[in-house]
Structures are given as C-alpha cells and as structure tokens.
C-alpha cells in the first residue's frame, strides 16, 4: 500500500452542503485544522451536491 493510500484510509472524507457559502467556509476551516479530516467537496444546493458527489467516495456529508 502506498503512503497516499494509507493516508486516505485514515482520513474521514467529508462533503459539505449548505446554502450559505460563509457557513461552508467556516465549517471547512474548522475541519481542515484536523489531520484526519479531509474536505473533498462542497455545494450550495442539493442539486449541485447530487452532481458533485458522483465523483467522490465520501464517508460523511454534513446537511443542514
């Protein structure tokens, strides 16, 4: 297993969804401070998220 694969296996991959960009930025800033959390994408609407998440294998989505 490569180092990158090991790192990905340890990380919690997160896709952020909120209609307020400032909220998404704030949450992303807090989560990025943690070594084991990775923001893989974000969207402002459910329609955007549906399209965007097709390319990710995220483990957790934040919904508000």
N, C-alpha and C. Protein backbone atom coordinates (compact mmCIF):
# COMPACT_ATOMS: atom_id res chain seq x y z
N UNK A 1 0.85 -1.18 0.00
CA UNK A 1 0.00 0.00 0.00
C UNK A 1 0.89 1.24 0.00
N UNK A 2 0.57 2.19 -0.86
CA UNK A 2 1.35 3.42 -0.93
C UNK A 2 1.05 4.31 0.26
N UNK A 3 1.92 5.27 0.50
CA UNK A 3 1.72 6.22 1.60
C UNK A 3 0.42 7.00 1.40
N UNK A 4 0.15 7.41 0.16
CA UNK A 4 -1.09 8.15 -0.12
C UNK A 4 -2.32 7.29 0.16
N UNK A 5 -2.27 6.02 -0.18
CA UNK A 5 -3.39 5.13 0.09
C UNK A 5 -3.59 4.95 1.59
N UNK A 6 -2.50 4.83 2.33
CA UNK A 6 -2.61 4.71 3.79
C UNK A 6 -3.20 5.98 4.39
N UNK A 7 -2.76 7.13 3.89
CA UNK A 7 -3.28 8.41 4.39
C UNK A 7 -4.77 8.52 4.11
N UNK A 8 -5.21 8.15 2.93
CA UNK A 8 -6.63 8.21 2.58
C UNK A 8 -7.45 7.26 3.44
N UNK A 9 -6.89 6.12 3.76
CA UNK A 9 -7.61 5.13 4.57
C UNK A 9 -7.83 5.65 5.98
N UNK A 10 -6.94 6.51 6.47
CA UNK A 10 -7.06 7.04 7.82
C UNK A 10 -7.95 8.27 7.88
N UNK A 11 -8.16 8.94 6.75
CA UNK A 11 -8.91 10.18 6.73
C UNK A 11 -10.41 9.95 6.64
N UNK A 12 -11.14 10.83 7.30
CA UNK A 12 -12.58 10.89 7.11
C UNK A 12 -12.81 11.90 6.01
N UNK A 13 -13.41 11.45 4.91
CA UNK A 13 -13.65 12.30 3.76
C UNK A 13 -15.03 12.93 3.89
N UNK A 14 -15.10 14.25 3.76
CA UNK A 14 -16.33 14.99 4.05
C UNK A 14 -16.74 15.85 2.86
N UNK A 15 -18.01 15.79 2.53
CA UNK A 15 -18.59 16.67 1.53
C UNK A 15 -19.53 17.62 2.26
N UNK A 16 -19.31 18.94 2.13
CA UNK A 16 -20.12 19.93 2.83
C UNK A 16 -21.26 20.42 1.94
N UNK A 17 -22.45 20.50 2.52
CA UNK A 17 -23.62 21.02 1.80
C UNK A 17 -24.33 22.02 2.69
N UNK A 18 -24.36 23.27 2.24
CA UNK A 18 -25.09 24.32 2.95
C UNK A 18 -25.34 25.43 1.95
N UNK A 19 -26.49 26.08 2.05
CA UNK A 19 -26.82 27.12 1.08
C UNK A 19 -26.13 28.46 1.38
N UNK A 20 -25.44 28.55 2.49
CA UNK A 20 -24.70 29.76 2.85
C UNK A 20 -23.21 29.51 2.68
N UNK A 21 -22.60 30.20 1.74
CA UNK A 21 -21.18 30.00 1.47
C UNK A 21 -20.31 30.30 2.69
N UNK A 22 -20.66 31.33 3.44
CA UNK A 22 -19.87 31.70 4.61
C UNK A 22 -19.90 30.58 5.66
N UNK A 23 -21.01 29.89 5.78
CA UNK A 23 -21.10 28.75 6.70
C UNK A 23 -20.20 27.62 6.22
N UNK A 24 -20.28 27.31 4.91
CA UNK A 24 -19.42 26.26 4.37
C UNK A 24 -17.95 26.58 4.58
N UNK A 25 -17.56 27.83 4.34
CA UNK A 25 -16.16 28.22 4.54
C UNK A 25 -15.74 28.08 5.99
N UNK A 26 -16.60 28.51 6.91
CA UNK A 26 -16.28 28.41 8.33
C UNK A 26 -16.15 26.98 8.80
N UNK A 27 -17.09 26.14 8.41
CA UNK A 27 -17.03 24.73 8.79
C UNK A 27 -15.79 24.08 8.18
N UNK A 28 -15.52 24.38 6.91
CA UNK A 28 -14.35 23.83 6.25
C UNK A 28 -13.06 24.24 6.97
N UNK A 29 -12.98 25.50 7.38
CA UNK A 29 -11.79 25.98 8.09
C UNK A 29 -11.59 25.23 9.40
N UNK A 30 -12.67 24.99 10.13
CA UNK A 30 -12.57 24.24 11.39
C UNK A 30 -12.14 22.80 11.15
N UNK A 31 -12.75 22.17 10.15
CA UNK A 31 -12.47 20.76 9.89
C UNK A 31 -11.07 20.56 9.31
N UNK A 32 -10.60 21.50 8.51
CA UNK A 32 -9.26 21.38 7.90
C UNK A 32 -8.15 21.44 8.94
N UNK A 33 -8.45 21.95 10.10
CA UNK A 33 -7.45 22.01 11.16
C UNK A 33 -7.15 20.63 11.75
N UNK A 34 -7.98 19.67 11.46
CA UNK A 34 -7.81 18.30 11.97
C UNK A 34 -7.07 17.45 10.94
N UNK A 35 -6.06 16.72 11.39
CA UNK A 35 -5.24 15.91 10.48
C UNK A 35 -5.99 14.76 9.83
N UNK A 36 -6.99 14.24 10.51
CA UNK A 36 -7.66 13.04 9.99
C UNK A 36 -8.97 13.35 9.25
N UNK A 37 -9.22 14.62 8.96
CA UNK A 37 -10.42 15.02 8.23
C UNK A 37 -10.03 15.65 6.91
N UNK A 38 -10.77 15.31 5.85
CA UNK A 38 -10.47 15.83 4.52
C UNK A 38 -11.75 16.32 3.87
N UNK A 39 -11.80 17.57 3.47
CA UNK A 39 -12.93 18.12 2.75
C UNK A 39 -12.72 17.76 1.27
N UNK A 40 -13.63 16.96 0.73
CA UNK A 40 -13.47 16.51 -0.66
C UNK A 40 -14.31 17.33 -1.63
N UNK A 41 -15.25 18.11 -1.10
CA UNK A 41 -16.06 18.94 -1.96
C UNK A 41 -17.11 19.67 -1.16
N UNK A 42 -17.82 20.56 -1.86
CA UNK A 42 -18.90 21.29 -1.21
C UNK A 42 -19.89 21.75 -2.26
N UNK A 43 -21.09 22.04 -1.80
CA UNK A 43 -22.15 22.51 -2.69
C UNK A 43 -23.10 23.40 -1.91
N UNK A 44 -23.80 24.26 -2.66
CA UNK A 44 -24.76 25.17 -2.06
C UNK A 44 -26.20 24.70 -2.17
N UNK A 45 -26.45 23.72 -3.03
CA UNK A 45 -27.80 23.18 -3.19
C UNK A 45 -27.74 21.66 -3.30
N UNK A 46 -28.88 21.03 -3.07
CA UNK A 46 -28.94 19.58 -3.19
C UNK A 46 -28.67 19.15 -4.63
N UNK A 47 -29.13 19.93 -5.59
CA UNK A 47 -28.90 19.60 -7.00
C UNK A 47 -27.40 19.62 -7.32
N UNK A 48 -26.69 20.64 -6.82
CA UNK A 48 -25.24 20.70 -7.01
C UNK A 48 -24.56 19.52 -6.33
N UNK A 49 -25.00 19.20 -5.15
CA UNK A 49 -24.39 18.11 -4.39
C UNK A 49 -24.59 16.78 -5.11
N UNK A 50 -25.75 16.59 -5.69
CA UNK A 50 -26.03 15.34 -6.39
C UNK A 50 -25.05 15.15 -7.55
N UNK A 51 -24.77 16.22 -8.25
CA UNK A 51 -23.82 16.17 -9.37
C UNK A 51 -22.40 16.01 -8.84
N UNK A 52 -22.03 16.83 -7.87
CA UNK A 52 -20.66 16.85 -7.36
C UNK A 52 -20.26 15.56 -6.65
N UNK A 53 -21.16 14.95 -5.91
CA UNK A 53 -20.79 13.78 -5.12
C UNK A 53 -20.59 12.53 -5.96
N UNK A 54 -21.02 12.56 -7.20
CA UNK A 54 -20.83 11.39 -8.06
C UNK A 54 -19.35 11.04 -8.22
N UNK A 55 -18.47 12.02 -8.13
CA UNK A 55 -17.05 11.76 -8.34
C UNK A 55 -16.29 11.46 -7.04
N UNK A 56 -16.93 11.52 -5.90
CA UNK A 56 -16.27 11.31 -4.62
C UNK A 56 -16.77 10.05 -3.94
N UNK A 57 -15.88 9.50 -3.11
CA UNK A 57 -16.26 8.38 -2.26
C UNK A 57 -16.23 8.88 -0.82
N UNK A 58 -17.04 9.89 -0.53
CA UNK A 58 -17.02 10.50 0.80
C UNK A 58 -17.69 9.56 1.82
N UNK A 59 -17.31 9.74 3.04
CA UNK A 59 -17.83 8.93 4.13
C UNK A 59 -18.84 9.67 4.97
N UNK A 60 -18.83 11.01 4.89
CA UNK A 60 -19.72 11.80 5.73
C UNK A 60 -20.15 13.04 4.95
N UNK A 61 -21.41 13.32 4.97
CA UNK A 61 -21.92 14.55 4.38
C UNK A 61 -22.60 15.35 5.48
N UNK A 62 -22.31 16.62 5.55
CA UNK A 62 -22.97 17.47 6.53
C UNK A 62 -24.18 18.11 5.87
N UNK A 63 -25.32 17.98 6.49
CA UNK A 63 -26.56 18.53 5.94
C UNK A 63 -27.17 19.46 6.96
N UNK A 64 -27.77 20.54 6.48
CA UNK A 64 -28.39 21.48 7.39
C UNK A 64 -29.74 21.83 6.87
